[in-house]
C-alpha atoms as a PDB file:
ATOM      1  CA  MET A   1     104.241  77.259  11.753  1.00  0.00           C
ATOM      2  CA  LEU A   2     101.457  76.822   9.242  1.00  0.00           C
ATOM      3  CA  THR A   3     100.745  79.643   6.851  1.00  0.00           C
ATOM      4  CA  LEU A   4      97.353  80.806   5.692  1.00  0.00           C
ATOM      5  CA  GLY A   5      98.101  79.486   2.209  1.00  0.00           C
ATOM      6  CA  LEU A   6      98.679  75.971   3.511  1.00  0.00           C
ATOM      7  CA  ILE A   7      95.547  76.201   5.651  1.00  0.00           C
ATOM      8  CA  ALA A   8      93.602  77.311   2.567  1.00  0.00           C
ATOM      9  CA  LEU A   9      94.910  74.286   0.648  1.00  0.00           C
ATOM     10  CA  VAL A  10      93.863  71.959   3.484  1.00  0.00           C
ATOM     11  CA  VAL A  11      90.387  73.548   3.645  1.00  0.00           C
ATOM     12  CA  ASN A  12      90.005  73.312  -0.146  1.00  0.00           C
ATOM     13  CA  GLY A  13      91.123  69.678  -0.039  1.00  0.00           C
ATOM     14  CA  LEU A  14      88.578  68.919   2.656  1.00  0.00           C
ATOM     15  CA  LEU A  15      85.886  70.652   0.588  1.00  0.00           C
ATOM     16  CA  LEU A  16      86.781  68.533  -2.451  1.00  0.00           C
ATOM     17  CA  TRP A  17      86.579  65.447  -0.278  1.00  0.00           C
ATOM     18  CA  LEU A  18      83.208  66.546   1.092  1.00  0.00           C
ATOM     19  CA  THR A  19      81.985  67.217  -2.451  1.00  0.00           C
ATOM     20  CA  SER A  20      83.041  63.704  -3.398  1.00  0.00           C
ATOM     21  CA  TRP A  21      81.089  62.271  -0.479  1.00  0.00           C
ATOM     22  CA  ILE A  22      77.980  64.274  -1.399  1.00  0.00           C
ATOM     23  CA  ALA A  23      78.325  63.240  -5.056  1.00  0.00           C
ATOM     24  CA  GLY A  24      78.492  59.620  -3.938  1.00  0.00           C
ATOM     25  CA  LYS A  25      75.260  59.998  -1.957  1.00  0.00           C
ATOM     26  CA  LEU A  26      73.586  61.546  -5.023  1.00  0.00           C
ATOM     27  CA  SER A  27      75.026  58.891  -7.387  1.00  0.00           C
ATOM     28  CA  LEU A  28      76.989  61.481  -9.369  1.00  0.00           C
ATOM     29  CA  PRO A  29      80.181  60.433 -11.185  1.00  0.00           C
ATOM     30  CA  PHE A  30      82.716  62.298  -9.027  1.00  0.00           C
ATOM     31  CA  HIS A  31      84.936  60.475  -6.542  1.00  0.00           C
ATOM     32  CA  VAL A  32      88.021  61.380  -4.509  1.00  0.00           C
ATOM     33  CA  THR A  33      89.556  58.404  -2.675  1.00  0.00           C
ATOM     34  CA  GLY A  34      90.911  60.221   0.384  1.00  0.00           C
ATOM     35  CA  PHE A  35      92.410  63.346   1.882  1.00  0.00           C
ATOM     36  CA  TRP A  36      95.753  63.354   0.061  1.00  0.00           C
ATOM     37  CA  PRO A  37      94.261  63.021  -3.432  1.00  0.00           C
ATOM     38  CA  ALA A  38      91.841  65.826  -2.442  1.00  0.00           C
ATOM     39  CA  PHE A  39      94.798  67.929  -1.216  1.00  0.00           C
ATOM     40  CA  TRP A  40      96.659  67.455  -4.507  1.00  0.00           C
ATOM     41  CA  GLY A  41      93.453  68.236  -6.366  1.00  0.00           C
ATOM     42  CA  ALA A  42      93.171  71.483  -4.383  1.00  0.00           C
ATOM     43  CA  ILE A  43      96.724  72.347  -5.478  1.00  0.00           C
ATOM     44  CA  ILE A  44      95.807  71.675  -9.115  1.00  0.00           C
ATOM     45  CA  VAL A  45      92.635  73.786  -8.828  1.00  0.00           C
ATOM     46  CA  GLY A  46      94.670  76.606  -7.282  1.00  0.00           C
ATOM     47  CA  LEU A  47      97.321  76.475 -10.038  1.00  0.00           C
ATOM     48  CA  VAL A  48      94.688  76.459 -12.795  1.00  0.00           C
ATOM     49  CA  SER A  49      92.917  79.415 -11.146  1.00  0.00           C
ATOM     50  CA  TRP A  50      96.218  81.300 -10.901  1.00  0.00           C
ATOM     51  CA  LEU A  51      97.106  80.587 -14.557  1.00  0.00           C
ATOM     52  CA  LEU A  52      93.662  81.660 -15.772  1.00  0.00           C
ATOM     53  CA  ASN A  53      93.974  84.877 -13.751  1.00  0.00           C
ATOM     54  CA  LEU A  54      97.327  85.508 -15.437  1.00  0.00           C
ATOM     55  CA  LEU A  55      95.922  84.865 -18.922  1.00  0.00           C
ATOM     56  CA  ILE A  56      92.543  86.565 -18.569  1.00  0.00           C
ATOM     57  CA  GLY A  57      93.383  89.054 -15.877  1.00  0.00           C
ATOM     58  CA  ASP A  58      91.176  91.616 -14.263  1.00  0.00           C
ATOM     59  CA  LYS A  59      89.154  93.909 -16.484  1.00  0.00           C
ATOM     60  CA  ARG A  60      89.676  96.957 -14.247  1.00  0.00           C
ATOM     61  CA  ARG A  61      91.711  99.772 -15.840  1.00  0.00           C
ATOM     62  CA  GLU A  62      93.760 100.686 -12.762  1.00  0.00           C
ATOM     63  CA  ASP A  63      94.916  98.650  -9.807  1.00  0.00           C
ATOM     64  CA  ASP A  64      93.336 101.026  -7.287  1.00  0.00           C
ATOM     65  CA  GLU A  65      89.939 101.153  -9.023  1.00  0.00           C
ATOM     66  CA  PRO A  66      87.350  99.326  -6.907  1.00  0.00           C
ATOM     67  CA  PRO A  67      85.534  96.380  -8.443  1.00  0.00           C
ATOM     68  CA  PRO A  68      82.069  97.067  -9.828  1.00  0.00           C
ATOM     69  CA  VAL A  69      79.331  96.810  -7.247  1.00  0.00           C
ATOM     70  CA  ARG A  70      75.652  96.336  -7.908  1.00  0.00           C
ATOM     71  CA  VAL A  71      73.416  98.095  -5.412  1.00  0.00           C
ATOM     72  CA  VAL A  72      69.992  96.566  -4.909  1.00  0.00           C
ATOM     73  CA  ARG A  73      67.355  98.322  -2.870  1.00  0.00           C
ATOM     74  CA  VAL A  74      64.924  96.229  -0.882  1.00  0.00           C
ATOM     75  CA  ARG A  75      61.625  97.779   0.058  1.00  0.00           C
END
């Protein structure tokens, strides 16, 4: 049975692959050769994100404090 984490990695890999395709159409210097390199790239992006979250952390004082929300009124 697939877990949501594995599904998220597959979706992120597909998004990296799609980004590579779009970059190719726009002549930008970003290229991923296939699904598996994109999948491994998604794992690397996830690990870097996790490590940065460990190092920088969340600026909230308590775990149960809600994140700051900006309320914008539209008239």
